[in-house]
Structure formats: structure tokens, C-alpha cells
């Protein structure tokens, strides 16, 4: 992407801390693609320590043309990769939704 003059900055972050994480804790993070847009992707993160939730977060990143810093469509290979990694429940609900 970078050689093609594209960037992928994060434009939004939401995070909620649920429980303390202590030095030396092993943090497991589940990463799920929630939504794939024309030029953006929304990703959910859920973290646990020994099975106990410690934080949840969501980010949105947008593909931009680095010359203009304007949004540009996701390259097809990246779009396919994100779509194949989506949460199956989310993909089903999108398929069942009426067209907008």
C-alpha cells in the first residue's frame, strides 16, 4: 500500500477499561473485523487476562491517498482480506439487511 502512495491512518478510537492489567499479566486479545466500508474498516478488540475481561476497544481506519490525504477506495486484495476475516454473525446480519 505504501509503495502505491496509500496510507491507512486510524481516524477513531473507542476504548473502555473493565479491569486492571498488572505488570507480568498475559493479555489475550480477540480481534474481529466488524465492518468493511468503501474506504474504511472497523475493528473490535476484546482483551482478557485468565478469562476475565480487561478492556474492549473499537477502531476505524481509512485508506487515504498520501498525496492529497483524501479517502480512497480499499484496494481489492485488502478488501477481500478484511471481508474474509469478518465476524460471521456480522456478515450474516449484513446479508439479511434490506438494501439501503
PDB file of N, CA and C in Angstrom:
ATOM      1  N   UNK A   1       0.820  -1.191   0.000  1.00  0.00           N
ATOM      2  CA  UNK A   1       0.000   0.000   0.000  1.00  0.00           C
ATOM      3  C   UNK A   1       0.864   1.254   0.000  1.00  0.00           C
ATOM      4  N   UNK A   2       1.895   1.253   0.841  1.00  0.00           N
ATOM      5  CA  UNK A   2       2.705   2.465   0.971  1.00  0.00           C
ATOM      6  C   UNK A   2       3.459   2.777  -0.314  1.00  0.00           C
ATOM      7  N   UNK A   3       3.940   1.735  -1.011  1.00  0.00           N
ATOM      8  CA  UNK A   3       4.620   1.951  -2.290  1.00  0.00           C
ATOM      9  C   UNK A   3       3.672   2.530  -3.327  1.00  0.00           C
ATOM     10  N   UNK A   4       2.369   2.230  -3.177  1.00  0.00           N
ATOM     11  CA  UNK A   4       1.362   2.751  -4.105  1.00  0.00           C
ATOM     12  C   UNK A   4       0.869   4.134  -3.696  1.00  0.00           C
ATOM     13  N   UNK A   5       1.471   4.719  -2.664  1.00  0.00           N
ATOM     14  CA  UNK A   5       1.095   6.063  -2.232  1.00  0.00           C
ATOM     15  C   UNK A   5      -0.141   6.102  -1.361  1.00  0.00           C
ATOM     16  N   UNK A   6      -0.474   4.967  -0.723  1.00  0.00           N
ATOM     17  CA  UNK A   6      -1.642   4.903   0.143  1.00  0.00           C
ATOM     18  C   UNK A   6      -1.223   4.806   1.605  1.00  0.00           C
ATOM     19  N   UNK A   7      -2.008   5.420   2.475  1.00  0.00           N
ATOM     20  CA  UNK A   7      -1.817   5.303   3.914  1.00  0.00           C
ATOM     21  C   UNK A   7      -3.062   4.697   4.535  1.00  0.00           C
ATOM     22  N   UNK A   8      -2.982   4.337   5.807  1.00  0.00           N
ATOM     23  CA  UNK A   8      -4.112   3.685   6.478  1.00  0.00           C
ATOM     24  C   UNK A   8      -4.219   4.206   7.911  1.00  0.00           C
ATOM     25  N   UNK A   9      -4.459   5.510   8.080  1.00  0.00           N
ATOM     26  CA  UNK A   9      -4.497   6.071   9.434  1.00  0.00           C
ATOM     27  C   UNK A   9      -5.760   5.679  10.198  1.00  0.00           C
ATOM     28  N   UNK A  10      -5.600   5.576  11.502  1.00  0.00           N
ATOM     29  CA  UNK A  10      -6.741   5.385  12.389  1.00  0.00           C
ATOM     30  C   UNK A  10      -7.403   6.738  12.578  1.00  0.00           C
ATOM     31  N   UNK A  11      -8.722   6.795  12.367  1.00  0.00           N
ATOM     32  CA  UNK A  11      -9.435   8.064  12.481  1.00  0.00           C
ATOM     33  C   UNK A  11     -10.359   8.111  13.693  1.00  0.00           C
ATOM     34  N   UNK A  12     -10.595   6.950  14.320  1.00  0.00           N
ATOM     35  CA  UNK A  12     -11.442   6.923  15.509  1.00  0.00           C
ATOM     36  C   UNK A  12     -11.024   5.765  16.400  1.00  0.00           C
ATOM     37  N   UNK A  13     -10.981   6.040  17.708  1.00  0.00           N
ATOM     38  CA  UNK A  13     -10.672   5.012  18.706  1.00  0.00           C
ATOM     39  C   UNK A  13     -11.675   5.145  19.844  1.00  0.00           C
ATOM     40  N   UNK A  14     -12.282   4.040  20.217  1.00  0.00           N
ATOM     41  CA  UNK A  14     -13.128   3.976  21.414  1.00  0.00           C
ATOM     42  C   UNK A  14     -12.545   2.883  22.288  1.00  0.00           C
ATOM     43  N   UNK A  15     -12.400   3.146  23.583  1.00  0.00           N
ATOM     44  CA  UNK A  15     -11.820   2.137  24.462  1.00  0.00           C
ATOM     45  C   UNK A  15     -12.436   2.234  25.840  1.00  0.00           C
ATOM     46  N   UNK A  16     -12.727   1.082  26.410  1.00  0.00           N
ATOM     47  CA  UNK A  16     -13.270   1.016  27.760  1.00  0.00           C
ATOM     48  C   UNK A  16     -12.444   0.015  28.561  1.00  0.00           C
ATOM     49  N   UNK A  17     -11.882   0.487  29.661  1.00  0.00           N
ATOM     50  CA  UNK A  17     -11.121  -0.383  30.550  1.00  0.00           C
ATOM     51  C   UNK A  17     -12.082  -0.982  31.570  1.00  0.00           C
ATOM     52  N   UNK A  18     -12.051  -2.292  31.695  1.00  0.00           N
ATOM     53  CA  UNK A  18     -13.007  -3.001  32.540  1.00  0.00           C
ATOM     54  C   UNK A  18     -12.407  -3.500  33.838  1.00  0.00           C
ATOM     55  N   UNK A  19     -11.110  -3.755  33.830  1.00  0.00           N
ATOM     56  CA  UNK A  19     -10.429  -4.312  34.992  1.00  0.00           C
ATOM     57  C   UNK A  19      -8.940  -4.019  34.849  1.00  0.00           C
ATOM     58  N   UNK A  20      -8.217  -3.873  35.959  1.00  0.00           N
ATOM     59  CA  UNK A  20      -6.780  -3.573  35.858  1.00  0.00           C
ATOM     60  C   UNK A  20      -5.977  -4.714  35.208  1.00  0.00           C
ATOM     61  N   UNK A  21      -4.939  -4.316  34.514  1.00  0.00           N
ATOM     62  CA  UNK A  21      -3.932  -5.247  33.995  1.00  0.00           C
ATOM     63  C   UNK A  21      -2.654  -4.949  34.764  1.00  0.00           C
ATOM     64  N   UNK A  22      -2.051  -5.981  35.310  1.00  0.00           N
ATOM     65  CA  UNK A  22      -0.853  -5.805  36.130  1.00  0.00           C
ATOM     66  C   UNK A  22       0.387  -6.235  35.361  1.00  0.00           C
ATOM     67  N   UNK A  23       1.507  -5.631  35.725  1.00  0.00           N
ATOM     68  CA  UNK A  23       2.779  -5.991  35.105  1.00  0.00           C
ATOM     69  C   UNK A  23       2.962  -7.503  35.183  1.00  0.00           C
ATOM     70  N   UNK A  24       3.290  -8.120  34.066  1.00  0.00           N
ATOM     71  CA  UNK A  24       3.505  -9.559  34.017  1.00  0.00           C
ATOM     72  C   UNK A  24       2.275 -10.350  33.614  1.00  0.00           C
ATOM     73  N   UNK A  25       1.079  -9.713  33.596  1.00  0.00           N
ATOM     74  CA  UNK A  25      -0.129 -10.409  33.153  1.00  0.00           C
ATOM     75  C   UNK A  25      -0.009 -10.784  31.679  1.00  0.00           C
ATOM     76  N   UNK A  26      -0.544 -11.931  31.335  1.00  0.00           N
ATOM     77  CA  UNK A  26      -0.635 -12.351  29.931  1.00  0.00           C
ATOM     78  C   UNK A  26      -1.993 -11.887  29.422  1.00  0.00           C
ATOM     79  N   UNK A  27      -2.005 -10.977  28.466  1.00  0.00           N
ATOM     80  CA  UNK A  27      -3.244 -10.415  27.931  1.00  0.00           C
ATOM     81  C   UNK A  27      -3.551 -11.086  26.591  1.00  0.00           C
ATOM     82  N   UNK A  28      -4.718 -11.718  26.515  1.00  0.00           N
ATOM     83  CA  UNK A  28      -5.196 -12.293  25.249  1.00  0.00           C
ATOM     84  C   UNK A  28      -6.128 -11.281  24.608  1.00  0.00           C
ATOM     85  N   UNK A  29      -5.925 -11.005  23.320  1.00  0.00           N
ATOM     86  CA  UNK A  29      -6.747 -10.020  22.621  1.00  0.00           C
ATOM     87  C   UNK A  29      -7.400 -10.687  21.412  1.00  0.00           C
ATOM     88  N   UNK A  30      -8.728 -10.679  21.410  1.00  0.00           N
ATOM     89  CA  UNK A  30      -9.514 -11.185  20.287  1.00  0.00           C
ATOM     90  C   UNK A  30      -9.774 -10.007  19.351  1.00  0.00           C
ATOM     91  N   UNK A  31      -9.407 -10.141  18.083  1.00  0.00           N
ATOM     92  CA  UNK A  31      -9.555  -9.068  17.102  1.00  0.00           C
ATOM     93  C   UNK A  31     -10.580  -9.519  16.066  1.00  0.00           C
ATOM     94  N   UNK A  32     -11.599  -8.667  15.837  1.00  0.00           N
ATOM     95  CA  UNK A  32     -12.678  -9.010  14.909  1.00  0.00           C
ATOM     96  C   UNK A  32     -12.934  -7.851  13.950  1.00  0.00           C
ATOM     97  N   UNK A  33     -13.020  -8.162  12.678  1.00  0.00           N
ATOM     98  CA  UNK A  33     -13.407  -7.165  11.684  1.00  0.00           C
ATOM     99  C   UNK A  33     -14.923  -7.037  11.776  1.00  0.00           C
ATOM    100  N   UNK A  34     -15.393  -5.846  12.128  1.00  0.00           N
ATOM    101  CA  UNK A  34     -16.839  -5.646  12.269  1.00  0.00           C
ATOM    102  C   UNK A  34     -17.499  -5.129  10.995  1.00  0.00           C
ATOM    103  N   UNK A  35     -16.818  -4.232  10.297  1.00  0.00           N
ATOM    104  CA  UNK A  35     -17.442  -3.614   9.134  1.00  0.00           C
ATOM    105  C   UNK A  35     -16.371  -3.235   8.126  1.00  0.00           C
ATOM    106  N   UNK A  36     -16.670  -3.471   6.864  1.00  0.00           N
ATOM    107  CA  UNK A  36     -15.781  -3.073   5.778  1.00  0.00           C
ATOM    108  C   UNK A  36     -16.564  -2.115   4.900  1.00  0.00           C
ATOM    109  N   UNK A  37     -16.087  -0.883   4.830  1.00  0.00           N
ATOM    110  CA  UNK A  37     -16.746   0.133   4.013  1.00  0.00           C
ATOM    111  C   UNK A  37     -16.029   0.319   2.689  1.00  0.00           C
ATOM    112  N   UNK A  38     -16.398   1.356   1.980  1.00  0.00           N
ATOM    113  CA  UNK A  38     -15.771   1.642   0.682  1.00  0.00           C
ATOM    114  C   UNK A  38     -14.291   1.960   0.842  1.00  0.00           C
ATOM    115  N   UNK A  39     -13.972   2.764   1.869  1.00  0.00           N
ATOM    116  CA  UNK A  39     -12.574   3.160   2.079  1.00  0.00           C
ATOM    117  C   UNK A  39     -12.133   2.956   3.528  1.00  0.00           C
ATOM    118  N   UNK A  40     -12.963   2.278   4.327  1.00  0.00           N
ATOM    119  CA  UNK A  40     -12.646   2.148   5.747  1.00  0.00           C
ATOM    120  C   UNK A  40     -12.901   0.736   6.261  1.00  0.00           C
ATOM    121  N   UNK A  41     -12.340   0.496   7.449  1.00  0.00           N
ATOM    122  CA  UNK A  41     -12.584  -0.776   8.134  1.00  0.00           C
ATOM    123  C   UNK A  41     -12.746  -0.474   9.624  1.00  0.00           C
ATOM    124  N   UNK A  42     -13.708  -1.152  10.233  1.00  0.00           N
ATOM    125  CA  UNK A  42     -13.951  -1.016  11.676  1.00  0.00           C
ATOM    126  C   UNK A  42     -13.548  -2.331  12.335  1.00  0.00           C
ATOM    127  N   UNK A  43     -12.723  -2.231  13.369  1.00  0.00           N
ATOM    128  CA  UNK A  43     -12.173  -3.414  14.035  1.00  0.00           C
ATOM    129  C   UNK A  43     -12.498  -3.356  15.522  1.00  0.00           C
ATOM    130  N   UNK A  44     -12.932  -4.497  16.076  1.00  0.00           N
ATOM    131  CA  UNK A  44     -13.247  -4.613  17.505  1.00  0.00           C
ATOM    132  C   UNK A  44     -12.151  -5.433  18.182  1.00  0.00           C
ATOM    133  N   UNK A  45     -11.781  -5.030  19.399  1.00  0.00           N
ATOM    134  CA  UNK A  45     -10.771  -5.712  20.202  1.00  0.00           C
ATOM    135  C   UNK A  45     -11.397  -6.039  21.555  1.00  0.00           C
ATOM    136  N   UNK A  46     -11.250  -7.278  22.003  1.00  0.00           N
ATOM    137  CA  UNK A  46     -11.718  -7.670  23.328  1.00  0.00           C
ATOM    138  C   UNK A  46     -10.577  -8.390  24.017  1.00  0.00           C
ATOM    139  N   UNK A  47     -10.158  -7.865  25.176  1.00  0.00           N
ATOM    140  CA  UNK A  47      -8.981  -8.392  25.868  1.00  0.00           C
ATOM    141  C   UNK A  47      -9.376  -9.037  27.187  1.00  0.00           C
ATOM    142  N   UNK A  48      -8.681 -10.130  27.506  1.00  0.00           N
ATOM    143  CA  UNK A  48      -8.906 -10.838  28.769  1.00  0.00           C
ATOM    144  C   UNK A  48      -7.570 -11.197  29.403  1.00  0.00           C
ATOM    145  N   UNK A  49      -7.604 -11.355  30.720  1.00  0.00           N
ATOM    146  CA  UNK A  49      -6.481 -11.907  31.483  1.00  0.00           C
ATOM    147  C   UNK A  49      -7.067 -13.078  32.255  1.00  0.00           C
ATOM    148  N   UNK A  50      -6.564 -14.277  31.987  1.00  0.00           N
ATOM    149  CA  UNK A  50      -7.064 -15.504  32.632  1.00  0.00           C
ATOM    150  C   UNK A  50      -8.582 -15.616  32.494  1.00  0.00           C
ATOM    151  N   UNK A  51      -9.102 -15.245  31.312  1.00  0.00           N
ATOM    152  CA  UNK A  51     -10.528 -15.348  31.045  1.00  0.00           C
ATOM    153  C   UNK A  51     -11.370 -14.194  31.544  1.00  0.00           C
ATOM    154  N   UNK A  52     -10.781 -13.262  32.283  1.00  0.00           N
ATOM    155  CA  UNK A  52     -11.516 -12.114  32.832  1.00  0.00           C
ATOM    156  C   UNK A  52     -11.372 -10.920  31.877  1.00  0.00           C
ATOM    157  N   UNK A  53     -12.495 -10.332  31.432  1.00  0.00           N
ATOM    158  CA  UNK A  53     -12.401  -9.171  30.534  1.00  0.00           C
ATOM    159  C   UNK A  53     -11.666  -8.005  31.197  1.00  0.00           C
ATOM    160  N   UNK A  54     -10.725  -7.416  30.446  1.00  0.00           N
ATOM    161  CA  UNK A  54      -9.968  -6.283  30.981  1.00  0.00           C
ATOM    162  C   UNK A  54     -10.146  -5.009  30.163  1.00  0.00           C
ATOM    163  N   UNK A  55     -10.403  -5.128  28.876  1.00  0.00           N
ATOM    164  CA  UNK A  55     -10.753  -3.954  28.083  1.00  0.00           C
ATOM    165  C   UNK A  55     -11.435  -4.389  26.809  1.00  0.00           C
ATOM    166  N   UNK A  56     -12.187  -3.424  26.239  1.00  0.00           N
ATOM    167  CA  UNK A  56     -12.738  -3.602  24.906  1.00  0.00           C
ATOM    168  C   UNK A  56     -12.519  -2.298  24.164  1.00  0.00           C
ATOM    169  N   UNK A  57     -12.307  -2.423  22.864  1.00  0.00           N
ATOM    170  CA  UNK A  57     -11.995  -1.243  22.065  1.00  0.00           C
ATOM    171  C   UNK A  57     -12.528  -1.431  20.652  1.00  0.00           C
ATOM    172  N   UNK A  58     -12.602  -0.308  19.956  1.00  0.00           N
ATOM    173  CA  UNK A  58     -13.034  -0.329  18.559  1.00  0.00           C
ATOM    174  C   UNK A  58     -12.242   0.771  17.852  1.00  0.00           C
ATOM    175  N   UNK A  59     -11.750   0.456  16.662  1.00  0.00           N
ATOM    176  CA  UNK A  59     -11.046   1.458  15.854  1.00  0.00           C
ATOM    177  C   UNK A  59     -11.654   1.512  14.466  1.00  0.00           C
ATOM    178  N   UNK A  60     -11.518   2.666  13.844  1.00  0.00           N
ATOM    179  CA  UNK A  60     -11.861   2.821  12.437  1.00  0.00           C
ATOM    180  C   UNK A  60     -10.636   3.392  11.751  1.00  0.00           C
ATOM    181  N   UNK A  61     -10.222   2.746  10.672  1.00  0.00           N
ATOM    182  CA  UNK A  61      -9.092   3.219   9.867  1.00  0.00           C
ATOM    183  C   UNK A  61      -9.592   3.445   8.442  1.00  0.00           C
ATOM    184  N   UNK A  62      -8.998   4.433   7.777  1.00  0.00           N
ATOM    185  CA  UNK A  62      -9.417   4.815   6.431  1.00  0.00           C
ATOM    186  C   UNK A  62      -8.212   4.792   5.498  1.00  0.00           C
ATOM    187  N   UNK A  63      -8.398   4.242   4.306  1.00  0.00           N
ATOM    188  CA  UNK A  63      -7.347   4.288   3.288  1.00  0.00           C
ATOM    189  C   UNK A  63      -7.359   5.688   2.686  1.00  0.00           C
ATOM    190  N   UNK A  64      -6.188   6.322   2.641  1.00  0.00           N
ATOM    191  CA  UNK A  64      -6.074   7.663   2.065  1.00  0.00           C
ATOM    192  C   UNK A  64      -4.962   7.710   1.024  1.00  0.00           C
ATOM    193  N   UNK A  65      -5.152   8.589   0.067  1.00  0.00           N
ATOM    194  CA  UNK A  65      -4.116   8.903  -0.910  1.00  0.00           C
ATOM    195  C   UNK A  65      -3.135   9.826  -0.188  1.00  0.00           C
ATOM    196  N   UNK A  66      -1.878   9.418  -0.063  1.00  0.00           N
ATOM    197  CA  UNK A  66      -0.908  10.181   0.722  1.00  0.00           C
ATOM    198  C   UNK A  66      -0.549  11.526   0.084  1.00  0.00           C
ATOM    199  N   UNK A  67      -0.811  11.700  -1.201  1.00  0.00           N
ATOM    200  CA  UNK A  67      -0.539  12.998  -1.833  1.00  0.00           C
ATOM    201  C   UNK A  67      -1.596  14.026  -1.432  1.00  0.00           C
ATOM    202  N   UNK A  68      -2.851  13.591  -1.335  1.00  0.00           N
ATOM    203  CA  UNK A  68      -3.948  14.515  -1.044  1.00  0.00           C
ATOM    204  C   UNK A  68      -4.515  14.326   0.363  1.00  0.00           C
ATOM    205  N   UNK A  69      -4.204  13.208   0.984  1.00  0.00           N
ATOM    206  CA  UNK A  69      -4.740  12.804   2.284  1.00  0.00           C
ATOM    207  C   UNK A  69      -6.268  12.735   2.263  1.00  0.00           C
ATOM    208  N   UNK A  70      -6.827  12.403   1.115  1.00  0.00           N
ATOM    209  CA  UNK A  70      -8.268  12.210   0.949  1.00  0.00           C
ATOM    210  C   UNK A  70      -8.559  10.710   0.910  1.00  0.00           C
ATOM    211  N   UNK A  71      -9.731  10.298   1.413  1.00  0.00           N
ATOM    212  CA  UNK A  71     -10.094   8.880   1.364  1.00  0.00           C
ATOM    213  C   UNK A  71     -10.099   8.353  -0.066  1.00  0.00           C
ATOM    214  N   UNK A  72      -9.731   7.102  -0.195  1.00  0.00           N
ATOM    215  CA  UNK A  72      -9.728   6.429  -1.492  1.00  0.00           C
ATOM    216  C   UNK A  72     -10.223   4.999  -1.267  1.00  0.00           C
ATOM    217  N   UNK A  73     -10.820   4.361  -2.273  1.00  0.00           N
ATOM    218  CA  UNK A  73     -11.353   3.014  -2.067  1.00  0.00           C
ATOM    219  C   UNK A  73     -10.277   2.018  -1.615  1.00  0.00           C
ATOM    220  N   UNK A  74     -10.720   1.075  -0.777  1.00  0.00           N
ATOM    221  CA  UNK A  74      -9.822   0.000  -0.348  1.00  0.00           C
ATOM    222  C   UNK A  74      -9.330  -0.767  -1.570  1.00  0.00           C
ATOM    223  N   UNK A  75      -8.028  -1.049  -1.672  1.00  0.00           N
ATOM    224  CA  UNK A  75      -7.557  -1.913  -2.748  1.00  0.00           C
ATOM    225  C   UNK A  75      -8.272  -3.272  -2.665  1.00  0.00           C
ATOM    226  N   UNK A  76      -8.583  -3.867  -3.809  1.00  0.00           N
ATOM    227  CA  UNK A  76      -9.384  -5.089  -3.852  1.00  0.00           C
ATOM    228  C   UNK A  76      -8.802  -6.212  -2.994  1.00  0.00           C
ATOM    229  N   UNK A  77      -7.498  -6.421  -3.034  1.00  0.00           N
ATOM    230  CA  UNK A  77      -6.885  -7.502  -2.245  1.00  0.00           C
ATOM    231  C   UNK A  77      -7.084  -7.266  -0.751  1.00  0.00           C
ATOM    232  N   UNK A  78      -6.949  -6.029  -0.319  1.00  0.00           N
ATOM    233  CA  UNK A  78      -7.147  -5.705   1.090  1.00  0.00           C
ATOM    234  C   UNK A  78      -8.615  -5.860   1.474  1.00  0.00           C
ATOM    235  N   UNK A  79      -9.521  -5.400   0.609  1.00  0.00           N
ATOM    236  CA  UNK A  79     -10.958  -5.558   0.846  1.00  0.00           C
ATOM    237  C   UNK A  79     -11.310  -7.039   1.021  1.00  0.00           C
ATOM    238  N   UNK A  80     -10.819  -7.883   0.116  1.00  0.00           N
ATOM    239  CA  UNK A  80     -11.115  -9.320   0.196  1.00  0.00           C
ATOM    240  C   UNK A  80     -10.561  -9.921   1.480  1.00  0.00           C
ATOM    241  N   UNK A  81      -9.383  -9.494   1.877  1.00  0.00           N
ATOM    242  CA  UNK A  81      -8.782  -9.998   3.113  1.00  0.00           C
ATOM    243  C   UNK A  81      -9.628  -9.619   4.322  1.00  0.00           C
ATOM    244  N   UNK A  82     -10.046  -8.363   4.396  1.00  0.00           N
ATOM    245  CA  UNK A  82     -10.896  -7.919   5.501  1.00  0.00           C
ATOM    246  C   UNK A  82     -12.236  -8.637   5.486  1.00  0.00           C
ATOM    247  N   UNK A  83     -12.857  -8.759   4.316  1.00  0.00           N
ATOM    248  CA  UNK A  83     -14.158  -9.422   4.232  1.00  0.00           C
ATOM    249  C   UNK A  83     -14.073 -10.880   4.670  1.00  0.00           C
ATOM    250  N   UNK A  84     -12.999 -11.554   4.321  1.00  0.00           N
ATOM    251  CA  UNK A  84     -12.866 -12.968   4.702  1.00  0.00           C
ATOM    252  C   UNK A  84     -12.610 -13.133   6.199  1.00  0.00           C
ATOM    253  N   UNK A  85     -12.166 -12.065   6.863  1.00  0.00           N
ATOM    254  CA  UNK A  85     -11.867 -12.135   8.299  1.00  0.00           C
ATOM    255  C   UNK A  85     -13.011 -11.594   9.161  1.00  0.00           C
ATOM    256  N   UNK A  86     -14.110 -11.172   8.534  1.00  0.00           N
ATOM    257  CA  UNK A  86     -15.226 -10.596   9.300  1.00  0.00           C
ATOM    258  C   UNK A  86     -15.840 -11.593  10.260  1.00  0.00           C
ATOM    259  N   UNK A  87     -16.462 -11.043  11.286  1.00  0.00           N
ATOM    260  CA  UNK A  87     -17.248 -11.813  12.240  1.00  0.00           C
ATOM    261  C   UNK A  87     -18.390 -12.478  11.464  1.00  0.00           C
ATOM    262  N   UNK A  88     -18.478 -13.822  11.476  1.00  0.00           N
ATOM    263  CA  UNK A  88     -19.534 -14.493  10.698  1.00  0.00           C
ATOM    264  C   UNK A  88     -20.942 -14.005  11.048  1.00  0.00           C
ATOM    265  N   UNK A  89     -21.211 -13.705  12.324  1.00  0.00           N
ATOM    266  CA  UNK A  89     -22.537 -13.213  12.723  1.00  0.00           C
ATOM    267  C   UNK A  89     -22.819 -11.854  12.083  1.00  0.00           C
ATOM    268  N   UNK A  90     -21.811 -11.000  12.037  1.00  0.00           N
ATOM    269  CA  UNK A  90     -21.969  -9.679  11.440  1.00  0.00           C
ATOM    270  C   UNK A  90     -22.204  -9.814   9.931  1.00  0.00           C
ATOM    271  N   UNK A  91     -21.459 -10.700   9.276  1.00  0.00           N
ATOM    272  CA  UNK A  91     -21.613 -10.904   7.832  1.00  0.00           C
ATOM    273  C   UNK A  91     -23.020 -11.398   7.518  1.00  0.00           C
ATOM    274  N   UNK A  92     -23.562 -12.305   8.355  1.00  0.00           N
ATOM    275  CA  UNK A  92     -24.922 -12.813   8.151  1.00  0.00           C
ATOM    276  C   UNK A  92     -25.948 -11.698   8.287  1.00  0.00           C
ATOM    277  N   UNK A  93     -25.802 -10.860   9.325  1.00  0.00           N
ATOM    278  CA  UNK A  93     -26.785  -9.791   9.532  1.00  0.00           C
ATOM    279  C   UNK A  93     -26.733  -8.778   8.397  1.00  0.00           C
ATOM    280  N   UNK A  94     -25.560  -8.518   7.845  1.00  0.00           N
ATOM    281  CA  UNK A  94     -25.452  -7.593   6.713  1.00  0.00           C
ATOM    282  C   UNK A  94     -26.112  -8.191   5.474  1.00  0.00           C
ATOM    283  N   UNK A  95     -25.962  -9.508   5.288  1.00  0.00           N
ATOM    284  CA  UNK A  95     -26.564 -10.176   4.131  1.00  0.00           C
ATOM    285  C   UNK A  95     -28.082 -10.177   4.234  1.00  0.00           C
ATOM    286  N   UNK A  96     -28.618 -10.231   5.464  1.00  0.00           N
ATOM    287  CA  UNK A  96     -30.068 -10.260   5.674  1.00  0.00           C
ATOM    288  C   UNK A  96     -30.691  -8.873   5.654  1.00  0.00           C
ATOM    289  N   UNK A  97     -29.871  -7.831   5.791  1.00  0.00           N
ATOM    290  CA  UNK A  97     -30.403  -6.472   5.854  1.00  0.00           C
ATOM    291  C   UNK A  97     -30.930  -6.035   4.488  1.00  0.00           C
ATOM    292  N   UNK A  98     -32.020  -5.261   4.479  1.00  0.00           N
ATOM    293  CA  UNK A  98     -32.526  -4.768   3.188  1.00  0.00           C
ATOM    294  C   UNK A  98     -31.525  -3.788   2.586  1.00  0.00           C
ATOM    295  N   UNK A  99     -31.459  -3.715   1.266  1.00  0.00           N
ATOM    296  CA  UNK A  99     -30.519  -2.777   0.637  1.00  0.00           C
ATOM    297  C   UNK A  99     -30.848  -1.348   1.021  1.00  0.00           C
ATOM    298  N   UNK A 100     -29.780  -0.523   1.151  1.00  0.00           N
ATOM    299  CA  UNK A 100     -30.024   0.882   1.527  1.00  0.00           C
ATOM    300  C   UNK A 100     -29.890   1.795   0.336  1.00  0.00           C
TER     301      UNK A 100
END
